[in-house]
Amino acid sequence: MQTRIEGNAYVLGDNIDTDQIIPAHYLTYNPSIPAEYKMFGKYALSGVPDAAAGLPKGRVPFHPPGADEFVSPYTIIVGGKNFGCGSSREHAPIALAAAGVVAVVAEFYARIFYRNSVNGGYLIPLETKARLIDRVCTGDKLVIDVIAGTLTNVTSGETFALLPLGEVAPILEAGGIFAYAKKVGMLGA
């Protein structure tokens, strides 16, 4: 697990559901096949409507014209409340990870999205009590210090507290639940 994450923010609103993160018609791809895994990155966040509540001024595409069609220039997602709600689709954190996202910072998550992110070791799901979607803009340069529990918006100069990862930190450090289980002797090597 990275303990210092630097990158550009992509800001979303409240109640971003798994069908917005990766629409169901792209679930025909198999993430265990490398060429098809890339397609999850290409179509990540393609289901977020232009008029979604809470989006920043002016809809900024997650894959801007002329940029890599598989990997987004945005490595940190900033969301509002109930991020990852909807179906229990484990493909949602896979899609964001395939697109190059390392961390998501939200006020709180739908439990299944949170657990899928942690169990697969796909993303670092961080939480904050601050309403960051009102304080961070898409494209802002951010630095997350996971150990110190801070997110610094380099663009604005503001720093915000993040909640500790707690009991999921060792799972993320190991690379997911199965790697963690092997590491602590719960599964054979």
Foldseek 3Di string as FASTA:
>chain_A
DDQKDKAFEAEDEAPAALCQQPNPVLVVFDCVDPVSLLVLQLRGRVNQDPPHPLGPPDDADQAHPPHPSRAGRGQEYEYEYAPHDDDLDLSRLSSSLRNNHAEYEYQDYDVSNCQSCLQQLRHHYWYFPDRCSVVHHGGFIWMHRLVQQWIARPRVRDIGGIDHPPPSVLSNVLRHDVSSCCVVVVDPD
